[in-house]
Amino acid sequence: MMNYVYLLRCNDDTLYCGWTTDLGSRIAAHNSGKGAKYTRSRLPVELVYYEAYENKHDAMSREWHMKRMSRKEKTELISSENKLALPDFPA
């Protein structure tokens, strides 16, 4: 099972970072208002970046570091040329 760290762009242009084992279901949960408290009042959200990890520990460690990045650093990640292609999830 893969583990994912992801960045969402919220409707108010803020960024939210989280981790999951199922990106599609997690994005759907956020957009249905059943995700994180932070995103509930900032719908809809859009997946703008993610990284995949083999184990939960590495994913959670990366999430911890990403949550402490500045907005500028997160924006640079989002626009990086080596990012993974984003999957197309239904809204």
Foldseek 3Di string as FASTA:
>chain_A
DKKKWFWKQFQVRDIDIDMDPDVQVQLVCLQVLNHDPVSNVGDDIGTQAMDIDPDPVVRVVVSVVVVPDDPVVVVCRSPDPPTDDDDDHDD
